[in-house]
Protein backbone atom coordinates (compact mmCIF):
# COMPACT_ATOMS: atom_id res chain seq x y z
CA MET A 1 -6.56 13.96 -3.27
CA ALA A 2 -3.72 11.77 -2.03
CA LYS A 3 -1.04 10.49 -4.39
CA ALA A 4 1.68 7.85 -3.93
CA SER A 5 4.70 7.99 -6.25
CA TRP A 6 8.11 6.43 -6.60
CA ASN A 7 10.88 6.76 -9.17
CA GLY A 8 8.89 9.39 -11.07
CA VAL A 9 5.71 7.30 -11.48
CA THR A 10 2.31 7.57 -9.79
CA LEU A 11 1.52 4.30 -8.02
CA ALA A 12 -1.89 5.31 -6.65
CA ASP A 13 -4.10 8.38 -6.37
CA SER A 14 -7.40 8.78 -4.61
CA ASP A 15 -9.62 11.14 -2.67
CA ARG A 16 -10.91 8.12 -0.69
CA THR A 17 -7.86 7.05 1.32
CA VAL A 18 -8.25 5.78 4.86
CA ILE A 19 -5.66 7.11 7.31
CA VAL A 20 -4.53 4.67 10.00
CA GLU A 21 -1.52 5.33 12.23
CA GLY A 22 -0.45 8.17 9.93
CA ASN A 23 -0.47 6.01 6.77
CA HIS A 24 -2.75 6.62 3.81
CA TYR A 25 -4.39 3.36 2.70
CA PHE A 26 -5.43 3.62 -0.95
CA PRO A 27 -8.45 1.70 -2.27
CA LEU A 28 -7.51 -1.06 -4.73
CA ASP A 29 -9.31 0.65 -7.61
CA SER A 30 -6.92 3.61 -7.28
CA VAL A 31 -3.72 1.53 -7.49
CA HIS A 32 -1.80 1.14 -10.75
CA ALA A 33 -1.32 -2.63 -10.48
CA GLU A 34 1.19 -2.86 -13.35
CA TYR A 35 3.91 -1.61 -10.94
CA PHE A 36 3.33 -4.28 -8.29
CA ARG A 37 4.90 -7.72 -7.95
CA PRO A 38 3.98 -10.30 -5.29
CA SER A 39 6.25 -10.76 -2.30
CA ASP A 40 6.47 -13.64 0.15
CA THR A 41 6.84 -11.22 3.09
CA HIS A 42 4.22 -11.16 5.84
CA THR A 43 4.13 -9.37 9.19
CA VAL A 44 1.66 -9.44 12.04
CA CYS A 45 0.11 -6.40 13.70
CA PRO A 46 -1.60 -7.14 17.01
CA TRP A 47 -4.71 -5.13 16.17
CA LYS A 48 -4.86 -5.13 12.33
CA GLY A 49 -3.91 -8.74 11.60
CA THR A 50 -1.45 -10.25 9.10
CA ALA A 51 -0.08 -7.94 6.41
CA SER A 52 1.07 -9.10 2.99
CA TYR A 53 3.51 -7.15 0.82
CA HIS A 54 4.23 -6.28 -2.78
CA HIS A 55 7.46 -5.17 -4.38
CA VAL A 56 7.15 -1.99 -6.45
CA GLU A 57 8.90 -2.05 -9.84
CA VAL A 58 9.31 1.07 -11.96
CA ASN A 59 11.60 1.50 -14.98
CA GLY A 60 13.59 -1.64 -14.15
CA LYS A 61 14.17 -0.70 -10.49
CA ARG A 62 12.69 -2.64 -7.59
CA ASN A 63 11.65 -1.26 -4.21
CA ALA A 64 11.30 -4.47 -2.20
CA ASP A 65 8.22 -4.82 0.00
CA ALA A 66 7.32 -1.13 -0.46
CA ALA A 67 3.55 -1.73 -0.45
CA TRP A 68 1.49 -3.60 2.11
CA PHE A 69 -2.09 -4.59 2.62
CA TYR A 70 -4.25 -6.66 4.96
CA PRO A 71 -6.11 -9.30 2.92
CA ASP A 72 -8.20 -10.29 5.94
CA PRO A 73 -7.93 -7.55 8.58
CA THR A 74 -9.35 -7.87 12.05
CA LEU A 75 -12.78 -6.43 12.77
CA ALA A 76 -11.09 -3.42 14.42
CA ALA A 77 -9.31 -2.64 11.12
CA ALA A 78 -12.11 -3.58 8.72
CA GLN A 79 -11.94 -0.11 7.10
CA ILE A 80 -8.61 -0.99 5.43
CA LYS A 81 -9.80 -4.16 3.71
CA ASP A 82 -9.03 -3.87 -0.03
CA HIS A 83 -6.63 -0.96 0.59
CA VAL A 84 -2.86 -0.61 0.08
CA ALA A 85 -0.33 1.52 1.99
CA PHE A 86 3.27 2.43 1.17
CA TRP A 87 6.66 3.05 2.75
CA LYS A 88 10.40 2.63 1.93
CA GLY A 89 10.78 5.88 0.03
CA VAL A 90 7.40 5.90 -1.71
CA ARG A 91 6.26 9.51 -1.47
CA VAL A 92 2.69 10.04 -0.32
CA GLU A 93 1.31 13.54 -0.74
CA ALA A 94 -2.11 14.59 0.48
């Protein structure tokens, strides 16, 4: 079971994560959406496609762009469609 947490709160937990480039991608049904706020940030990965981001907000504190996902990944990265990964101090334990 993998778990993502920040600021004392569990953001996601699942035994069905997909690991790509050392990052656990959590299925959407394992994510606690109440802690996520949309971001306008996007980045491009040459083999996965265009990533979109969410800010994480817990107890009045914001971790900007701490979660990312690929809404329309390339065929090579199809396994991470409808999955979310974390960084910027979000602790992921497996």
